[in-house]
C-alpha atoms as a PDB file:
ATOM      1  CA  MET A   1      91.851 105.434 125.184  1.00  0.00           C
ATOM      2  CA  ASN A   2      92.696 106.417 121.620  1.00  0.00           C
ATOM      3  CA  LEU A   3      90.913 104.555 118.855  1.00  0.00           C
ATOM      4  CA  THR A   4      91.653 104.752 115.176  1.00  0.00           C
ATOM      5  CA  THR A   5      88.948 106.111 112.918  1.00  0.00           C
ATOM      6  CA  THR A   6      88.523 102.588 111.554  1.00  0.00           C
ATOM      7  CA  ALA A   7      87.958 101.174 115.041  1.00  0.00           C
ATOM      8  CA  GLN A   8      85.503 103.974 115.856  1.00  0.00           C
ATOM      9  CA  ALA A   9      83.437 103.221 112.742  1.00  0.00           C
ATOM     10  CA  ILE A  10      83.364  99.483 113.466  1.00  0.00           C
ATOM     11  CA  ILE A  11      82.295 100.065 117.070  1.00  0.00           C
ATOM     12  CA  LEU A  12      79.539 102.450 115.981  1.00  0.00           C
ATOM     13  CA  LEU A  13      78.220  99.893 113.496  1.00  0.00           C
ATOM     14  CA  THR A  14      78.374  96.830 115.732  1.00  0.00           C
ATOM     15  CA  SER A  15      77.631  97.953 119.303  1.00  0.00           C
ATOM     16  CA  TYR A  16      74.657  98.937 121.413  1.00  0.00           C
ATOM     17  CA  PHE A  17      74.838 102.324 123.117  1.00  0.00           C
ATOM     18  CA  GLY A  18      72.670 103.275 126.047  1.00  0.00           C
ATOM     19  CA  LYS A  19      69.253 101.862 126.801  1.00  0.00           C
ATOM     20  CA  GLN A  20      67.884  99.498 124.181  1.00  0.00           C
ATOM     21  CA  ASP A  21      64.584 100.561 122.668  1.00  0.00           C
ATOM     22  CA  LYS A  22      62.522  98.186 120.546  1.00  0.00           C
ATOM     23  CA  ASP A  23      62.150 100.894 117.882  1.00  0.00           C
ATOM     24  CA  ALA A  24      65.800 101.953 117.914  1.00  0.00           C
ATOM     25  CA  ALA A  25      68.263 101.001 115.229  1.00  0.00           C
ATOM     26  CA  LYS A  26      70.093  97.791 116.015  1.00  0.00           C
ATOM     27  CA  PRO A  27      73.799  97.184 115.493  1.00  0.00           C
ATOM     28  CA  LEU A  28      74.947  94.904 112.709  1.00  0.00           C
ATOM     29  CA  THR A  29      75.155  91.215 113.516  1.00  0.00           C
ATOM     30  CA  ASN A  30      78.408  89.346 112.886  1.00  0.00           C
ATOM     31  CA  ALA A  31      77.049  88.035 109.581  1.00  0.00           C
ATOM     32  CA  GLU A  32      75.803  91.477 108.511  1.00  0.00           C
ATOM     33  CA  TRP A  33      79.131  93.045 109.423  1.00  0.00           C
ATOM     34  CA  ALA A  34      81.012  90.374 107.445  1.00  0.00           C
ATOM     35  CA  ARG A  35      78.928  91.048 104.318  1.00  0.00           C
ATOM     36  CA  PHE A  36      79.275  94.812 104.744  1.00  0.00           C
ATOM     37  CA  ALA A  37      83.037  94.549 105.321  1.00  0.00           C
ATOM     38  CA  MET A  38      83.394  92.533 102.102  1.00  0.00           C
ATOM     39  CA  TRP A  39      81.353  95.153 100.240  1.00  0.00           C
ATOM     40  CA  LEU A  40      83.573  97.916 101.624  1.00  0.00           C
ATOM     41  CA  ARG A  41      86.700  96.005 100.565  1.00  0.00           C
ATOM     42  CA  ASP A  42      85.305  95.307  97.088  1.00  0.00           C
ATOM     43  CA  SER A  43      84.468  99.021  96.799  1.00  0.00           C
ATOM     44  CA  LYS A  44      88.035  99.884  97.841  1.00  0.00           C
ATOM     45  CA  LEU A  45      86.735 101.608 100.977  1.00  0.00           C
ATOM     46  CA  SER A  46      87.488 101.196 104.664  1.00  0.00           C
ATOM     47  CA  PRO A  47      85.224 101.691 107.679  1.00  0.00           C
ATOM     48  CA  ALA A  48      87.071 104.964 108.344  1.00  0.00           C
ATOM     49  CA  ASP A  49      85.784 106.300 105.015  1.00  0.00           C
ATOM     50  CA  LEU A  50      82.270 106.228 106.482  1.00  0.00           C
ATOM     51  CA  LEU A  51      83.288 108.890 109.018  1.00  0.00           C
ATOM     52  CA  ASP A  52      85.273 111.127 106.678  1.00  0.00           C
ATOM     53  CA  ASN A  53      83.649 114.062 104.924  1.00  0.00           C
END
């Protein structure tokens, strides 16, 4: 399966990977993602920009 860089960034920010640990970082909730996505848009950025050097 080929995913765009944008899709990869969104999945990394909003999904659990592996065994959940109470001390591990948690993915963004729908509300958190919505606020962050609006901030990215207002900053003229895309999720893919988070993965680019």
